[in-house]
């Protein structure tokens, strides 16, 4: 008897606002691959222009199941994987040429053309969608139906961000979205309210079902890329099912039970699943650190809130944090020791990392130094409740530090931050709201401290991490949505260095610029890393599907069926 997944569509009508209806759908388990860790709350819209949609159309660097990008980045080899873009090359110092794959078409059969590419990028020029690329781009235009030119501003070129952008923007069908614009009078607020039910993209899957508990995508059998990119082969899984769990614990239990096939959720002590329980579970490496470190989830300060506006207070907090405890207890030792730098000391960035300066000017877990800063540099005195008070009578706390509820590794990390700070005399309290609320607070600057990752691996690192953490140009005031620099840090010299950096090609000069930026960062400390983390966690269970990539068979990077890890969809096979 076939195992089936039964979906009651009654709840869908409540979410999507359509007429009440009820329907039952049965999905054979052997036709569905279950993923977890990308959706943390009910889906609210399938509109990729909505700003912060909680669906699979929210992140073009990962969620290219429905809408696709020109390329997607493989951090393992530092190269782009062609998707809608067939190739790219620099014609001169200012112009990048991208060839669009002439075989590509959208789900409705309309071809993907240079017009769609130009239209999609110019949406970011027309509306404040967070496409910072227009700070450096002069124009995007077509040469013919399958050739697009990205031309930079002569007075402000930035190769890094242009190369980053060709892997970070969904290509939308102009024939659909131009009508959406017109029907909403070119008002972005109204355009963002468009739910976009049944989105038409060019990717290998389309929306089949959404509810507050589950999202299901269905394979597009005539997906253009099957012939053009995968030798005529279709993905083995007809459905991608994403149960929406409330916490890492709930998702990890489902993964262990084989109810989830691949996950990017944090799973504590993953090795016990195969060493002690004998489960058909794997990660990228089969020994410590099990994952590939490539990002740095960090604690961000709202630097305009007194007394967090004082660098000394921020530095005292940085010295107070027991990072080893975070790695051991919150991260199951998946994170190597974090360093006081915005440069990742691994992979392609390591050549810019200055270990001597980090040791000389950086911070590490040192409660005595935190107390010295408070008492000697700030003149604070400890109150009867054990919390320091500044000379002007300002008590150091309570401050709130937050991240989404259910992200257990992050929740545990922030609990250790709060305990560490309290131990030296700074009152920090944790708050774990639902993910949509945490996202909104982060982007609007409505926080004391928050936890977030300053960008993922890309061709523009480590410059992009500095830009996201320190760059103030174009960042709106508190209350408006910001896509970077969430604490609203401002430093004109840092802005100038960040502007300067992409124009430099000499490696020695480049390292000097990164060194100076890193020093500014260490002096002003608007945020600091709490852990090193993989781009996404990646663990697979072979109960129902085999053929997963790993360090011994690295045909795709360790990304769970997203980004360049999408390649795995064409390699999976049902377990016998």
Protein backbone atom coordinates (compact mmCIF):
# COMPACT_ATOMS: atom_id res chain seq x y z
CA UNK A 1 0.00 0.00 0.00
CA UNK A 2 1.37 3.36 -0.95
CA UNK A 3 2.12 5.80 1.81
CA UNK A 4 0.35 9.05 1.11
CA UNK A 5 0.44 12.56 2.44
CA UNK A 6 -3.08 13.85 2.90
CA UNK A 7 -3.62 17.56 2.63
CA UNK A 8 -6.87 19.22 3.60
CA UNK A 9 -7.11 22.38 1.60
CA UNK A 10 -9.76 23.90 3.83
CA UNK A 11 -7.23 26.08 5.66
CA UNK A 12 -5.81 27.45 2.42
CA UNK A 13 -8.89 29.52 1.83
CA UNK A 14 -8.50 31.17 5.21
CA UNK A 15 -4.96 32.25 4.38
CA UNK A 16 -5.37 33.31 0.80
CA UNK A 17 -8.69 35.06 1.37
CA UNK A 18 -10.60 33.25 -1.35
CA UNK A 19 -13.98 31.57 -1.09
CA UNK A 20 -14.27 28.85 1.50
CA UNK A 21 -13.77 25.40 0.07
CA UNK A 22 -12.63 21.96 1.09
CA UNK A 23 -10.64 19.45 -0.88
CA UNK A 24 -8.45 16.48 -0.17
CA UNK A 25 -5.22 15.80 -2.04
CA UNK A 26 -3.13 12.67 -1.71
CA UNK A 27 0.59 12.73 -2.42
CA UNK A 28 2.52 9.45 -2.61
CA UNK A 29 5.51 9.65 -0.27
CA UNK A 30 7.86 8.27 -2.93
CA UNK A 31 7.03 11.20 -5.21
CA UNK A 32 7.68 13.92 -2.63
CA UNK A 33 10.92 15.17 -1.16
CA UNK A 34 10.39 16.89 2.17
CA UNK A 35 12.51 19.92 3.03
CA UNK A 36 12.67 21.99 6.22
CA UNK A 37 14.12 25.17 7.60
CA UNK A 38 13.18 27.82 5.03
CA UNK A 39 9.70 28.78 6.16
CA UNK A 40 9.12 30.06 9.70
CA UNK A 41 5.55 31.23 9.78
CA UNK A 42 2.41 31.14 7.66
CA UNK A 43 2.93 32.07 4.02
CA UNK A 44 1.58 35.56 3.51
CA UNK A 45 2.11 36.22 -0.19
CA UNK A 46 3.80 34.88 -3.31
CA UNK A 47 4.68 38.36 -4.48
CA UNK A 48 8.46 38.62 -4.95
CA UNK A 49 8.20 42.42 -4.73
CA UNK A 50 6.40 42.40 -1.39
CA UNK A 51 9.51 43.33 0.56
CA UNK A 52 9.51 40.59 3.19
CA UNK A 53 7.26 37.83 1.90
CA UNK A 54 7.19 34.65 3.94
CA UNK A 55 7.17 32.26 0.99
CA UNK A 56 9.52 30.60 -1.44
CA UNK A 57 9.76 33.73 -3.59
CA UNK A 58 11.61 35.76 -0.99
CA UNK A 59 15.28 34.98 -1.57
CA UNK A 60 16.72 34.87 -5.10
CA UNK A 61 20.04 33.58 -3.75
CA UNK A 62 18.28 30.41 -2.57
CA UNK A 63 14.63 29.97 -3.56
CA UNK A 64 14.94 29.50 -7.31
CA UNK A 65 12.34 26.78 -7.53
CA UNK A 66 9.65 29.07 -9.00
CA UNK A 67 11.39 32.24 -10.15
CA UNK A 68 14.94 31.96 -11.43
CA UNK A 69 18.00 34.17 -11.50
CA UNK A 70 20.56 34.55 -14.27
CA UNK A 71 23.16 32.61 -12.29
CA UNK A 72 23.55 31.03 -8.87
CA UNK A 73 26.73 31.04 -6.78
CA UNK A 74 28.64 27.89 -5.88
CA UNK A 75 30.68 28.84 -2.81
CA UNK A 76 32.59 25.58 -2.92
CA UNK A 77 34.42 26.42 -6.13
CA UNK A 78 33.82 30.18 -6.19
CA UNK A 79 32.08 30.08 -9.55
CA UNK A 80 28.68 30.90 -10.98
CA UNK A 81 26.34 28.15 -12.19
CA UNK A 82 24.40 29.22 -15.30
CA UNK A 83 20.61 29.29 -14.96
CA UNK A 84 18.77 31.79 -17.18
CA UNK A 85 22.10 33.40 -17.97
CA UNK A 86 24.15 31.37 -20.41
CA UNK A 87 27.43 33.30 -19.94
CA UNK A 88 28.87 36.69 -18.94
CA UNK A 89 32.01 38.70 -19.71
CA UNK A 90 33.40 42.18 -19.11
CA UNK A 91 33.56 44.10 -22.41
CA UNK A 92 35.61 46.91 -20.84
CA UNK A 93 36.00 48.69 -17.48
CA UNK A 94 32.34 49.65 -17.31
CA UNK A 95 30.22 47.17 -19.27
CA UNK A 96 29.26 43.60 -18.41
CA UNK A 97 27.62 41.54 -21.13
CA UNK A 98 25.23 38.73 -20.16
CA UNK A 99 23.92 36.20 -22.66
CA UNK A 100 20.42 34.88 -21.85
CA UNK A 101 19.77 31.24 -22.62
CA UNK A 102 17.62 31.29 -25.80
CA UNK A 103 15.93 28.03 -24.78
CA UNK A 104 14.43 29.48 -21.60
CA UNK A 105 10.70 30.08 -21.24
CA UNK A 106 8.17 30.81 -18.50
CA UNK A 107 5.54 28.38 -17.22
CA UNK A 108 2.95 29.89 -19.60
CA UNK A 109 5.16 29.19 -22.61
CA UNK A 110 6.33 32.76 -23.19
CA UNK A 111 10.09 32.96 -23.87
CA UNK A 112 12.48 34.52 -21.35
CA UNK A 113 14.12 37.35 -23.26
CA UNK A 114 16.50 40.22 -22.75
CA UNK A 115 13.41 42.42 -22.30
CA UNK A 116 12.40 40.41 -19.21
CA UNK A 117 15.92 40.75 -17.78
CA UNK A 118 16.04 44.51 -18.38
CA UNK A 119 12.52 44.90 -16.98
CA UNK A 120 13.33 42.94 -13.81
CA UNK A 121 16.45 44.92 -13.00
CA UNK A 122 14.81 48.25 -13.82
CA UNK A 123 12.06 47.53 -11.32
CA UNK A 124 14.78 48.15 -8.75
CA UNK A 125 15.55 51.47 -10.39
CA UNK A 126 11.88 52.48 -10.50
CA UNK A 127 10.89 51.41 -6.97
CA UNK A 128 12.73 51.18 -3.60
CA UNK A 129 13.01 47.39 -3.64
CA UNK A 130 16.38 47.17 -1.95
CA UNK A 131 18.29 46.59 -5.20
CA UNK A 132 21.33 48.63 -4.23
CA UNK A 133 22.89 47.84 -7.58
CA UNK A 134 21.48 51.09 -8.95
CA UNK A 135 23.91 53.03 -6.81
CA UNK A 136 26.57 51.82 -9.23
CA UNK A 137 24.67 51.09 -12.42
CA UNK A 138 24.08 53.71 -15.07
CA UNK A 139 21.82 51.53 -17.21
CA UNK A 140 20.74 48.04 -18.16
CA UNK A 141 19.79 47.59 -21.80
CA UNK A 142 19.36 44.91 -24.43
CA UNK A 143 21.52 44.45 -27.50
CA UNK A 144 19.35 41.75 -29.02
CA UNK A 145 16.71 39.33 -27.76
CA UNK A 146 19.25 37.34 -25.76
CA UNK A 147 22.01 39.83 -24.91
CA UNK A 148 21.93 42.34 -22.05
CA UNK A 149 24.49 44.97 -21.09
CA UNK A 150 24.97 46.15 -17.51
CA UNK A 151 26.71 49.53 -17.73
CA UNK A 152 28.19 51.09 -14.60
CA UNK A 153 28.35 54.77 -13.70
CA UNK A 154 31.76 56.11 -14.84
CA UNK A 155 32.15 58.07 -11.60
CA UNK A 156 31.07 55.22 -9.31
CA UNK A 157 31.76 51.80 -10.80
CA UNK A 158 31.52 48.62 -8.74
CA UNK A 159 32.39 45.36 -10.46
CA UNK A 160 31.87 43.38 -7.28
CA UNK A 161 28.25 44.36 -6.90
CA UNK A 162 27.42 44.03 -10.57
CA UNK A 163 28.81 40.51 -10.54
CA UNK A 164 26.92 39.88 -7.31
CA UNK A 165 23.68 41.27 -8.77
CA UNK A 166 23.54 38.87 -11.71
CA UNK A 167 23.03 36.12 -9.16
CA UNK A 168 20.70 37.95 -6.83
CA UNK A 169 17.66 39.12 -8.79
CA UNK A 170 14.62 37.14 -9.92
CA UNK A 171 13.82 37.48 -13.62
CA UNK A 172 10.09 38.18 -13.81
CA UNK A 173 7.84 37.89 -16.88
CA UNK A 174 7.32 41.45 -18.10
CA UNK A 175 4.08 40.53 -19.85
CA UNK A 176 2.52 39.73 -16.45
CA UNK A 177 4.12 42.20 -14.07
CA UNK A 178 3.80 45.26 -16.31
CA UNK A 179 0.03 44.67 -16.13
CA UNK A 180 0.21 44.35 -12.34
CA UNK A 181 2.01 47.68 -12.22
CA UNK A 182 -0.55 49.39 -14.43
CA UNK A 183 -3.55 47.92 -12.58
CA UNK A 184 -2.11 49.34 -9.36
CA UNK A 185 -1.30 52.78 -10.82
CA UNK A 186 2.44 52.17 -10.41
CA UNK A 187 1.99 52.56 -6.66
CA UNK A 188 4.52 50.27 -4.95
CA UNK A 189 2.43 49.99 -1.80
CA UNK A 190 -0.49 48.62 -3.85
CA UNK A 191 1.80 46.47 -6.01
CA UNK A 192 3.17 44.88 -2.85
CA UNK A 193 -0.36 44.01 -1.73
CA UNK A 194 -0.90 41.90 -4.87
CA UNK A 195 -0.92 38.31 -3.59
CA UNK A 196 0.26 36.75 -6.83
CA UNK A 197 -1.63 33.49 -6.38
CA UNK A 198 -0.38 30.84 -8.81
CA UNK A 199 2.89 32.66 -9.66
CA UNK A 200 4.20 32.20 -13.20
CA UNK A 201 7.96 31.81 -13.18
CA UNK A 202 10.51 29.95 -15.25
CA UNK A 203 11.72 27.50 -12.58
CA UNK A 204 11.33 23.73 -12.29
CA UNK A 205 8.47 23.90 -9.76
CA UNK A 206 5.23 25.83 -9.25
CA UNK A 207 2.97 26.41 -6.25
CA UNK A 208 0.59 23.49 -5.66
CA UNK A 209 -0.71 24.21 -2.17
CA UNK A 210 -0.11 26.60 0.72
CA UNK A 211 -1.47 26.67 4.24
CA UNK A 212 -0.21 27.91 7.61
CA UNK A 213 1.21 24.40 8.17
CA UNK A 214 2.57 23.34 4.77
CA UNK A 215 3.77 24.58 1.41
CA UNK A 216 3.81 22.15 -1.52
CA UNK A 217 5.43 22.78 -4.88
CA UNK A 218 4.69 20.66 -7.94
CA UNK A 219 7.20 19.80 -10.66
CA UNK A 220 6.86 21.58 -14.00
CA UNK A 221 7.27 18.62 -16.32
CA UNK A 222 8.10 20.75 -19.35
CA UNK A 223 10.61 22.90 -17.46
CA UNK A 224 12.95 24.38 -20.08
CA UNK A 225 16.09 23.60 -18.05
CA UNK A 226 15.49 19.85 -18.17
CA UNK A 227 16.56 19.81 -21.81
CA UNK A 228 18.85 22.85 -21.79
CA UNK A 229 20.73 22.25 -18.53
CA UNK A 230 20.19 18.65 -17.43
CA UNK A 231 20.46 16.48 -20.53
CA UNK A 232 16.72 15.92 -20.84
CA UNK A 233 16.33 14.55 -17.34
CA UNK A 234 13.52 15.64 -15.01
CA UNK A 235 13.85 15.95 -11.22
CA UNK A 236 12.83 12.64 -9.68
CA UNK A 237 10.63 14.30 -7.07
CA UNK A 238 7.26 15.40 -8.41
CA UNK A 239 6.60 17.40 -5.27
CA UNK A 240 8.65 19.47 -2.84
CA UNK A 241 6.89 19.58 0.51
CA UNK A 242 7.85 22.03 3.24
CA UNK A 243 6.14 21.43 6.58
CA UNK A 244 6.19 24.62 8.64
CA UNK A 245 7.57 23.76 12.04
CA UNK A 246 7.39 26.00 15.06
CA UNK A 247 10.89 25.24 16.27
CA UNK A 248 14.15 23.53 15.41
CA UNK A 249 13.27 20.80 17.93
CA UNK A 250 10.05 19.95 16.11
CA UNK A 251 11.82 19.92 12.74
CA UNK A 252 14.75 17.87 14.03
CA UNK A 253 12.43 15.19 15.40
CA UNK A 254 10.64 14.95 12.04
CA UNK A 255 14.02 14.72 10.29
CA UNK A 256 15.20 11.96 12.60
CA UNK A 257 11.97 10.06 11.98
CA UNK A 258 12.46 10.26 8.21
CA UNK A 259 9.50 12.59 7.80
CA UNK A 260 11.91 15.21 6.40
CA UNK A 261 14.45 14.23 3.73
CA UNK A 262 16.76 17.24 3.75
CA UNK A 263 16.95 20.15 6.14
CA UNK A 264 18.75 23.39 6.73
CA UNK A 265 17.58 23.57 10.34
CA UNK A 266 20.07 23.43 13.16
CA UNK A 267 20.14 19.89 14.56
CA UNK A 268 22.15 19.42 17.77
CA UNK A 269 24.69 16.59 18.02
CA UNK A 270 23.91 15.39 14.51
CA UNK A 271 26.58 12.67 14.63
CA UNK A 272 24.59 10.71 17.20
CA UNK A 273 21.98 9.96 14.54
CA UNK A 274 24.36 7.67 12.66
CA UNK A 275 26.91 6.76 15.35
CA UNK A 276 24.47 5.85 18.12
CA UNK A 277 21.14 5.35 16.39
CA UNK A 278 22.30 3.87 13.11
CA UNK A 279 20.06 6.11 11.05
CA UNK A 280 20.66 6.68 7.32
CA UNK A 281 21.60 10.30 8.00
CA UNK A 282 24.50 12.33 6.65
CA UNK A 283 26.01 15.82 6.52
CA UNK A 284 28.72 17.29 4.29
CA UNK A 285 31.57 15.98 6.47
CA UNK A 286 31.17 12.86 8.57
CA UNK A 287 33.31 14.37 11.35
CA UNK A 288 33.82 17.75 13.12
CA UNK A 289 32.85 20.39 12.08
CA UNK A 290 30.34 18.44 9.89
CA UNK A 291 29.49 21.66 8.01
CA UNK A 292 31.47 24.14 5.87
CA UNK A 293 31.92 27.50 7.76
CA UNK A 294 31.02 30.35 5.43
CA UNK A 295 28.90 32.93 7.26
CA UNK A 296 28.85 34.74 10.59
CA UNK A 297 25.53 35.27 12.42
CA UNK A 298 26.09 38.38 14.49
CA UNK A 299 24.72 40.52 17.27
CA UNK A 300 23.73 43.96 15.95
CA UNK A 301 23.43 47.06 18.12
CA UNK A 302 21.02 49.92 17.59
CA UNK A 303 23.89 52.41 17.78
CA UNK A 304 21.58 55.41 18.08
CA UNK A 305 20.01 54.30 21.35
CA UNK A 306 21.77 55.62 24.42
CA UNK A 307 23.80 54.14 26.10
CA UNK A 308 24.28 51.52 23.36
CA UNK A 309 25.44 54.49 21.29
CA UNK A 310 28.68 54.39 23.35
CA UNK A 311 31.34 52.17 21.69
CA UNK A 312 32.71 51.36 25.15
CA UNK A 313 29.41 49.81 26.20
CA UNK A 314 29.30 47.77 23.01
CA UNK A 315 32.89 46.63 23.47
CA UNK A 316 32.27 45.67 27.10
CA UNK A 317 29.40 43.47 25.91
CA UNK A 318 31.67 41.93 23.26
CA UNK A 319 34.26 41.09 25.91
CA UNK A 320 31.60 39.63 28.20
CA UNK A 321 30.31 36.97 25.78
CA UNK A 322 31.45 33.41 26.38
CA UNK A 323 31.94 32.40 22.74
CA UNK A 324 33.24 28.92 23.53
CA UNK A 325 30.05 28.23 25.45
CA UNK A 326 28.02 29.33 22.42
CA UNK A 327 29.99 26.98 20.18
CA UNK A 328 29.75 24.08 22.59
CA UNK A 329 26.21 24.39 23.92
CA UNK A 330 24.35 26.31 21.25
CA UNK A 331 26.20 25.01 18.18
CA UNK A 332 27.23 21.44 19.12
CA UNK A 333 30.82 22.49 18.30
CA UNK A 334 29.88 23.17 14.67
CA UNK A 335 31.49 26.62 14.92
CA UNK A 336 35.26 27.19 15.06
CA UNK A 337 36.43 29.98 17.42
CA UNK A 338 35.08 33.35 16.24
CA UNK A 339 37.47 36.25 15.70
CA UNK A 340 37.08 40.03 16.02
CA UNK A 341 36.96 40.67 12.29
CA UNK A 342 34.41 41.09 9.52
CA UNK A 343 36.67 38.99 7.32
CA UNK A 344 36.05 35.27 7.38
CA UNK A 345 39.38 33.51 8.10
CA UNK A 346 38.42 30.67 5.73
CA UNK A 347 38.19 30.16 2.01
CA UNK A 348 38.80 32.93 -0.49
CA UNK A 349 38.61 35.71 2.10
CA UNK A 350 41.40 34.38 4.27
CA UNK A 351 44.04 36.23 2.23
CA UNK A 352 42.67 39.53 3.64
CA UNK A 353 42.50 38.35 7.26
CA UNK A 354 45.19 39.89 9.52
CA UNK A 355 45.60 37.61 12.51
CA UNK A 356 48.11 39.88 14.26
CA UNK A 357 45.80 42.89 14.22
CA UNK A 358 42.90 40.77 15.39
CA UNK A 359 44.96 39.60 18.38
CA UNK A 360 46.24 43.13 19.13
CA UNK A 361 43.00 45.12 18.78
CA UNK A 362 40.25 42.58 18.85
CA UNK A 363 38.21 41.15 21.67
CA UNK A 364 37.55 37.72 23.05
CA UNK A 365 35.82 36.31 26.10
CA UNK A 366 37.39 38.26 28.98
CA UNK A 367 35.00 39.32 31.78
CA UNK A 368 37.76 41.19 33.65
CA UNK A 369 38.44 43.38 30.62
CA UNK A 370 34.71 44.04 30.26
CA UNK A 371 34.61 45.24 33.89
CA UNK A 372 37.74 47.35 33.38
CA UNK A 373 36.12 49.11 30.40
CA UNK A 374 32.98 49.79 32.42
CA UNK A 375 34.78 51.10 35.49
CA UNK A 376 37.87 52.80 34.04
CA UNK A 377 36.84 53.92 30.55
CA UNK A 378 33.22 54.75 31.37
CA UNK A 379 33.46 55.54 35.11
CA UNK A 380 30.48 53.29 35.81
CA UNK A 381 29.72 52.03 39.30
CA UNK A 382 27.88 48.85 40.20
CA UNK A 383 24.45 49.23 41.77
CA UNK A 384 23.00 47.13 44.58
CA UNK A 385 21.32 44.90 42.00
CA UNK A 386 24.69 44.06 40.44
CA UNK A 387 24.13 46.20 37.33
CA UNK A 388 26.47 49.05 36.43
CA UNK A 389 25.27 52.65 36.32
CA UNK A 390 26.96 55.36 34.25
CA UNK A 391 28.07 58.64 35.89
CA UNK A 392 24.96 60.38 34.52
CA UNK A 393 22.73 57.88 36.33
CA UNK A 394 21.95 55.69 33.32
CA UNK A 395 21.61 52.04 34.25
CA UNK A 396 23.13 49.54 31.78
CA UNK A 397 19.90 47.81 30.96
CA UNK A 398 17.52 46.27 30.73
CA UNK A 399 18.38 45.93 27.05
CA UNK A 400 16.50 43.50 24.85
CA UNK A 401 18.20 41.17 22.40
CA UNK A 402 16.00 39.26 19.97
CA UNK A 403 15.78 36.75 17.15
CA UNK A 404 12.93 34.61 15.80
CA UNK A 405 11.23 32.14 18.11
CA UNK A 406 12.11 28.50 17.48
CA UNK A 407 15.58 29.09 16.06
CA UNK A 408 16.91 27.09 18.95
CA UNK A 409 20.61 27.53 18.24
CA UNK A 410 20.17 31.27 17.93
CA UNK A 411 17.84 31.36 20.93
CA UNK A 412 20.43 29.48 23.00
CA UNK A 413 23.21 31.76 21.76
CA UNK A 414 21.35 34.86 22.87
CA UNK A 415 20.57 33.31 26.23
CA UNK A 416 24.31 32.81 26.70
CA UNK A 417 24.89 36.43 25.61
CA UNK A 418 22.38 37.61 28.24
CA UNK A 419 23.88 35.38 30.95
CA UNK A 420 27.42 36.49 30.07
CA UNK A 421 26.52 40.17 30.15
CA UNK A 422 24.64 39.82 33.42
CA UNK A 423 27.70 38.18 34.96
CA UNK A 424 29.77 41.33 34.38
CA UNK A 425 26.98 43.75 35.36
CA UNK A 426 25.04 44.52 32.15
CA UNK A 427 21.32 43.72 32.10
CA UNK A 428 20.35 42.03 28.82
CA UNK A 429 17.08 40.18 28.42
CA UNK A 430 16.10 37.90 25.55
CA UNK A 431 13.02 38.20 23.38
CA UNK A 432 11.98 35.61 20.77
CA UNK A 433 9.00 36.89 18.77
CA UNK A 434 7.55 35.07 15.77
CA UNK A 435 9.75 35.35 12.71
CA UNK A 436 7.67 37.96 10.81
CA UNK A 437 7.79 40.28 13.84
CA UNK A 438 11.53 39.76 14.31
CA UNK A 439 12.11 40.49 10.61
CA UNK A 440 10.05 43.67 10.79
CA UNK A 441 11.80 44.87 13.96
CA UNK A 442 15.20 44.24 12.40
CA UNK A 443 14.46 46.07 9.17
CA UNK A 444 12.72 49.05 10.76
CA UNK A 445 15.36 49.45 13.49
CA UNK A 446 12.89 48.70 16.27
CA UNK A 447 15.37 46.92 18.55
CA UNK A 448 18.11 47.36 21.13
CA UNK A 449 20.06 44.37 19.89
CA UNK A 450 19.14 41.80 17.28
CA UNK A 451 20.78 38.77 15.69
CA UNK A 452 21.23 38.38 11.96
CA UNK A 453 23.75 37.24 9.36
CA UNK A 454 25.48 39.99 7.35
CA UNK A 455 25.16 38.33 3.94
CA UNK A 456 26.01 34.96 2.54
CA UNK A 457 28.92 33.83 0.32
CA UNK A 458 29.04 35.71 -2.98
CA UNK A 459 31.53 37.04 -5.53
CA UNK A 460 31.55 40.32 -3.59
CA UNK A 461 32.86 39.06 -0.24
CA UNK A 462 34.30 40.32 2.09
CA UNK A 463 33.47 43.74 0.65
CA UNK A 464 29.75 42.99 0.78
CA UNK A 465 29.87 42.11 4.48
CA UNK A 466 31.53 45.46 5.26
CA UNK A 467 28.98 47.21 3.09
CA UNK A 468 26.02 45.55 4.82
CA UNK A 469 27.43 46.13 8.29
CA UNK A 470 28.90 49.64 8.00
CA UNK A 471 27.68 51.50 4.91
CA UNK A 472 25.23 54.31 5.67
CA UNK A 473 24.51 55.84 2.25
CA UNK A 474 20.95 55.13 1.20
CA UNK A 475 20.00 53.54 4.51
CA UNK A 476 16.66 55.04 5.64
CA UNK A 477 15.93 56.39 9.09
CA UNK A 478 14.55 54.24 11.89
CA UNK A 479 10.94 53.33 11.16
CA UNK A 480 11.49 52.69 7.47
CA UNK A 481 12.58 49.37 5.94
CA UNK A 482 16.35 48.94 5.67
CA UNK A 483 17.96 46.01 3.87
CA UNK A 484 21.36 46.49 5.50
CA UNK A 485 23.05 48.39 8.34
CA UNK A 486 20.07 47.61 10.56
CA UNK A 487 21.57 49.51 13.53
CA UNK A 488 21.90 52.69 11.39
CA UNK A 489 25.66 53.04 12.01
CA UNK A 490 27.26 56.07 10.32
CA UNK A 491 30.95 56.74 9.63
CA UNK A 492 31.85 58.92 6.65
CA UNK A 493 35.37 57.55 6.35
CA UNK A 494 34.09 53.99 6.36
CA UNK A 495 31.61 54.97 3.63
CA UNK A 496 34.46 56.43 1.57
CA UNK A 497 36.61 53.32 2.00
CA UNK A 498 33.72 51.11 1.00
CA UNK A 499 33.12 53.27 -2.07
CA UNK A 500 36.82 53.08 -2.92
CA UNK A 501 37.32 49.38 -2.49
CA UNK A 502 35.53 47.97 -5.60
CA UNK A 503 37.64 50.16 -7.89
CA UNK A 504 40.88 48.62 -6.64
CA UNK A 505 42.33 45.57 -8.36
CA UNK A 506 45.84 45.61 -6.85
CA UNK A 507 45.84 42.88 -4.19
CA UNK A 508 48.26 44.65 -1.81
CA UNK A 509 46.28 47.87 -1.95
CA UNK A 510 43.07 45.90 -1.57
CA UNK A 511 44.32 44.22 1.59
CA UNK A 512 45.33 47.61 3.03
CA UNK A 513 41.82 48.91 2.46
CA UNK A 514 40.23 45.87 4.08
CA UNK A 515 42.64 46.19 7.01
CA UNK A 516 41.65 49.81 7.58
CA UNK A 517 37.95 48.98 7.37
CA UNK A 518 38.42 46.14 9.81
CA UNK A 519 40.13 48.51 12.25
CA UNK A 520 37.23 50.96 12.05
CA UNK A 521 34.90 48.08 12.69
CA UNK A 522 36.88 47.00 15.77
CA UNK A 523 36.94 50.57 17.14
CA UNK A 524 33.24 51.30 16.69
CA UNK A 525 31.89 47.72 16.90
CA UNK A 526 28.33 48.27 15.56
CA UNK A 527 27.94 44.48 15.54
CA UNK A 528 30.06 41.41 16.22
CA UNK A 529 29.93 37.75 15.20
CA UNK A 530 28.68 35.15 17.66
CA UNK A 531 29.53 32.08 15.59
CA UNK A 532 30.77 30.84 12.24
CA UNK A 533 28.11 28.95 10.44
CA UNK A 534 27.61 27.18 7.12
CA UNK A 535 25.86 29.04 4.33
CA UNK A 536 22.92 26.83 5.18
CA UNK A 537 22.88 23.80 7.41
CA UNK A 538 22.71 20.69 5.30
CA UNK A 539 21.69 17.29 6.61
CA UNK A 540 19.98 14.55 4.69
CA UNK A 541 18.06 11.39 5.56
CA UNK A 542 18.22 8.56 3.01
CA UNK A 543 15.12 6.70 4.16
CA UNK A 544 13.20 7.73 1.04
CA UNK A 545 15.77 9.41 -1.24
CA UNK A 546 19.42 8.70 -2.04
CA UNK A 547 22.05 10.45 -4.14
CA UNK A 548 22.77 13.43 -1.88
CA UNK A 549 25.99 15.37 -2.42
CA UNK A 550 28.67 15.34 0.30
CA UNK A 551 32.42 15.89 0.71
CA UNK A 552 33.11 12.48 -0.81
CA UNK A 553 30.79 13.14 -3.75
CA UNK A 554 30.87 16.96 -4.14
CA UNK A 555 28.96 17.32 -7.41
CA UNK A 556 26.93 20.16 -5.81
CA UNK A 557 27.59 22.46 -2.81
CA UNK A 558 26.09 21.70 0.64
CA UNK A 559 22.83 23.58 0.10
CA UNK A 560 19.59 21.62 0.67
CA UNK A 561 18.01 21.77 -2.79
CA UNK A 562 18.40 25.56 -2.98
CA UNK A 563 20.83 27.85 -4.81
CA UNK A 564 23.53 25.85 -6.54
CA UNK A 565 22.39 22.89 -4.43
CA UNK A 566 19.35 22.67 -6.74
CA UNK A 567 21.52 20.43 -8.87
CA UNK A 568 20.79 17.61 -6.42
CA UNK A 569 17.18 17.48 -7.60
CA UNK A 570 18.41 15.88 -10.84
CA UNK A 571 20.63 13.37 -8.98
CA UNK A 572 18.22 12.08 -6.33
CA UNK A 573 16.73 8.63 -6.69
CA UNK A 574 14.03 6.90 -4.67
CA UNK A 575 15.48 4.59 -2.03
CA UNK A 576 15.00 0.94 -2.90
